[in-house]
Amino acid sequence: MGDIVKNLLDDAVCEIVEKAEPRFHRPHIAVTLSSVSLKGLYDTGADVSCLNEKVFQKIDKKDRPTLNISERGKRFKSAGGELLQVIGKFLFQLKVGKKVIEHPLYVVKNLSGDLILGFDLIQKHHLNYNTETKSFSWKGGGRWSRGQLKVCEKQTLAPLSVSTIRVSAVSYTHLTLPTKA
């Protein structure tokens, strides 16, 4: 009987910890759209990039891009299978970190988040996410975050001396971009 109570108590504690501090956090990145700052969800499972209609309404009318009429009334399904109502497709200028890109976004009524950076944007602009360091980088950009050095031959150095040593180097690069708006 004592084992059952202990197991139940352990299960309850694990469930409480999981609710209070979830182990998996979906990757978000800070994005500026016109003068609106928000967090964009990096979502390789989303085919297209979407903006919440409420965020779209916050953009000054004079700064809003022109609607692509051919995309009006299109319907998508969310990851949960619910139908999403598309207001339209607009070409936006987005600032992600220090980089400015142009990309079409579907404005969607009642989108679960502010902005979803879908696979279309991720692939076209080569925005990468490193799951180990939880950081973002653009193709070809970044600075060393980790690396390995190996000496080419064994050498003995005198204490406090300065000497040139041949090494082989392997670097792992990433550019840390803000993850919160």
Protein backbone atom coordinates (compact mmCIF):
# COMPACT_ATOMS: atom_id res chain seq x y z
CA MET A 1 0.00 0.00 0.00
CA GLY A 2 2.89 2.38 0.80
CA ASP A 3 4.34 1.92 -2.73
CA ILE A 4 1.02 2.85 -4.33
CA VAL A 5 0.77 6.05 -2.27
CA LYS A 6 4.40 6.93 -3.06
CA ASN A 7 3.85 6.34 -6.80
CA LEU A 8 0.69 8.44 -6.80
CA LEU A 9 2.51 11.23 -4.94
CA ASP A 10 5.46 11.06 -7.39
CA ASP A 11 3.05 11.19 -10.37
CA ALA A 12 1.25 14.21 -8.88
CA VAL A 13 4.54 16.05 -8.29
CA CYS A 14 5.71 15.32 -11.85
CA GLU A 15 2.43 16.58 -13.28
CA ILE A 16 2.59 19.78 -11.22
CA VAL A 17 6.19 20.42 -12.30
CA GLU A 18 5.27 19.78 -15.95
CA LYS A 19 2.38 22.28 -15.76
CA ALA A 20 4.44 24.91 -13.92
CA GLU A 21 7.59 24.53 -16.02
CA PRO A 22 6.88 22.82 -19.34
CA ARG A 23 9.97 21.08 -20.70
CA PHE A 24 9.40 22.05 -24.31
CA HIS A 25 9.11 25.67 -25.34
CA ARG A 26 8.22 26.44 -28.92
CA PRO A 27 10.81 28.71 -30.56
CA HIS A 28 9.76 32.37 -30.88
CA ILE A 29 11.74 35.20 -32.40
CA ALA A 30 11.34 38.98 -32.11
CA VAL A 31 9.91 40.55 -35.26
CA THR A 32 9.00 44.14 -36.13
CA LEU A 33 6.26 44.63 -38.69
CA SER A 34 5.78 48.31 -39.63
CA SER A 35 5.93 49.85 -36.14
CA VAL A 36 4.48 46.81 -34.34
CA SER A 37 6.83 44.60 -32.30
CA LEU A 38 5.75 41.02 -31.72
CA LYS A 39 6.91 37.45 -31.26
CA GLY A 40 6.86 35.17 -34.27
CA LEU A 41 6.52 31.42 -33.82
CA TYR A 42 9.16 29.53 -35.83
CA ASP A 43 6.99 26.71 -37.18
CA THR A 44 8.37 24.25 -39.73
CA GLY A 45 5.02 22.42 -39.61
CA ALA A 46 3.13 25.41 -41.01
CA ASP A 47 3.14 25.52 -44.81
CA VAL A 48 2.57 29.29 -44.95
CA SER A 49 3.33 32.31 -42.79
CA CYS A 50 0.34 33.94 -41.09
CA LEU A 51 -0.45 37.11 -39.15
CA ASN A 52 -3.27 37.47 -36.65
CA GLU A 53 -5.98 39.87 -37.85
CA LYS A 54 -5.86 41.69 -34.49
CA VAL A 55 -2.17 42.49 -35.03
CA PHE A 56 -2.94 43.58 -38.59
CA GLN A 57 -5.53 46.04 -37.22
CA LYS A 58 -2.84 47.61 -34.98
CA ILE A 59 -0.84 48.67 -38.05
CA ASP A 60 -1.65 52.23 -39.12
CA LYS A 61 -3.87 52.09 -42.24
CA LYS A 62 -1.42 54.19 -44.26
CA ASP A 63 1.36 51.65 -43.50
CA ARG A 64 -0.64 48.52 -44.43
CA PRO A 65 0.37 46.79 -47.65
CA THR A 66 -2.09 46.22 -50.51
CA LEU A 67 -4.32 43.16 -50.45
CA ASN A 68 -3.71 40.40 -52.98
CA ILE A 69 -7.35 39.97 -54.11
CA SER A 70 -6.78 36.50 -55.62
CA GLU A 71 -6.07 35.10 -52.14
CA ARG A 72 -9.16 36.61 -50.44
CA GLY A 73 -11.51 34.10 -48.82
CA LYS A 74 -9.00 31.25 -48.91
CA ARG A 75 -9.36 28.76 -46.05
CA PHE A 76 -6.65 26.87 -44.23
CA LYS A 77 -6.73 24.30 -41.46
CA SER A 78 -4.89 24.73 -38.19
CA ALA A 79 -2.66 22.00 -36.77
CA GLY A 80 -5.69 20.90 -34.72
CA GLY A 81 -7.85 20.60 -37.86
CA GLU A 82 -10.01 23.72 -37.30
CA LEU A 83 -10.86 25.84 -40.34
CA LEU A 84 -9.10 29.21 -40.40
CA GLN A 85 -10.67 32.18 -42.15
CA VAL A 86 -8.17 34.05 -44.32
CA ILE A 87 -8.75 37.80 -44.67
CA GLY A 88 -6.17 38.09 -47.44
CA LYS A 89 -2.53 37.82 -48.44
CA PHE A 90 -0.28 40.87 -48.03
CA LEU A 91 3.38 41.52 -48.87
CA PHE A 92 5.06 42.76 -45.68
CA GLN A 93 8.46 44.08 -44.79
CA LEU A 94 9.63 42.31 -41.62
CA LYS A 95 12.62 43.09 -39.46
CA VAL A 96 14.01 39.97 -37.83
CA GLY A 97 17.01 40.78 -35.67
CA LYS A 98 18.99 43.27 -37.78
CA LYS A 99 17.90 41.78 -41.09
CA VAL A 100 14.99 43.20 -43.10
CA ILE A 101 13.15 40.86 -45.46
CA GLU A 102 10.04 41.06 -47.62
CA HIS A 103 7.61 38.19 -47.43
CA PRO A 104 3.90 37.58 -48.03
CA LEU A 105 1.79 36.86 -44.94
CA TYR A 106 -1.75 35.55 -44.82
CA VAL A 107 -3.85 37.63 -42.42
CA VAL A 108 -6.03 35.18 -40.51
CA LYS A 109 -9.03 35.78 -38.26
CA ASN A 110 -8.59 34.36 -34.72
CA LEU A 111 -5.10 32.96 -35.28
CA SER A 112 -3.82 31.29 -32.09
CA GLY A 113 -0.68 33.47 -31.94
CA ASP A 114 0.39 36.87 -33.24
CA LEU A 115 2.61 35.64 -36.07
CA ILE A 116 3.56 32.26 -37.49
CA LEU A 117 6.77 32.08 -39.49
CA GLY A 118 5.97 29.11 -41.68
CA PHE A 119 8.09 26.85 -43.81
CA ASP A 120 7.64 29.13 -46.84
CA LEU A 121 9.53 31.95 -45.08
CA ILE A 122 12.00 29.65 -43.34
CA GLN A 123 13.04 28.00 -46.60
CA LYS A 124 13.02 31.09 -48.82
CA HIS A 125 15.08 33.26 -46.46
CA HIS A 126 17.19 30.47 -44.92
CA LEU A 127 16.28 31.23 -41.31
CA ASN A 128 17.69 28.44 -39.16
CA TYR A 129 17.04 27.42 -35.58
CA ASN A 130 19.63 25.59 -33.48
CA THR A 131 17.79 23.36 -31.00
CA GLU A 132 20.90 22.90 -28.86
CA THR A 133 21.66 26.58 -28.30
CA LYS A 134 18.05 27.73 -28.85
CA SER A 135 19.27 30.43 -31.21
CA PHE A 136 18.47 31.60 -34.73
CA SER A 137 20.80 32.26 -37.65
CA TRP A 138 20.65 33.24 -41.31
CA LYS A 139 22.42 31.18 -43.94
CA GLY A 140 26.07 32.18 -44.09
CA GLY A 141 25.88 34.50 -41.11
CA GLY A 142 26.94 34.25 -37.54
CA ARG A 143 30.00 33.92 -35.43
CA TRP A 144 31.57 31.04 -33.60
CA SER A 145 29.59 29.70 -30.71
CA ARG A 146 31.42 26.40 -30.39
CA GLY A 147 34.36 24.76 -32.01
CA GLN A 148 37.06 22.15 -31.75
CA LEU A 149 40.78 22.64 -32.00
CA LYS A 150 43.27 19.82 -32.42
CA VAL A 151 47.01 20.23 -32.44
CA CYS A 152 48.61 18.79 -35.54
CA GLU A 153 51.64 17.50 -33.65
CA LYS A 154 52.59 17.12 -30.02
CA GLN A 155 54.72 19.97 -28.63
CA THR A 156 56.10 20.81 -25.22
CA LEU A 157 56.01 24.48 -24.27
CA ALA A 158 58.08 26.20 -21.62
CA PRO A 159 55.97 27.86 -18.87
CA LEU A 160 54.87 31.41 -19.75
CA SER A 161 56.31 31.10 -23.24
CA VAL A 162 54.74 32.21 -26.52
CA SER A 163 54.90 29.91 -29.50
CA THR A 164 53.15 29.25 -32.79
CA ILE A 165 51.31 25.95 -32.93
CA ARG A 166 49.61 24.41 -35.98
CA VAL A 167 46.05 23.33 -35.27
CA SER A 168 43.05 22.10 -37.21
CA ALA A 169 39.82 23.91 -36.39
CA VAL A 170 36.16 23.04 -36.78
CA SER A 171 33.66 25.78 -35.97
CA TYR A 172 29.95 25.73 -35.32
CA THR A 173 28.40 29.08 -36.14
CA HIS A 174 25.20 30.79 -35.15
CA LEU A 175 23.96 34.31 -34.90
CA THR A 176 21.98 34.96 -31.78
CA LEU A 177 18.87 36.92 -32.59
CA PRO A 178 16.41 38.17 -30.00
CA THR A 179 13.88 35.49 -29.10
CA LYS A 180 11.36 37.73 -27.32
CA ALA A 181 9.56 40.82 -28.53
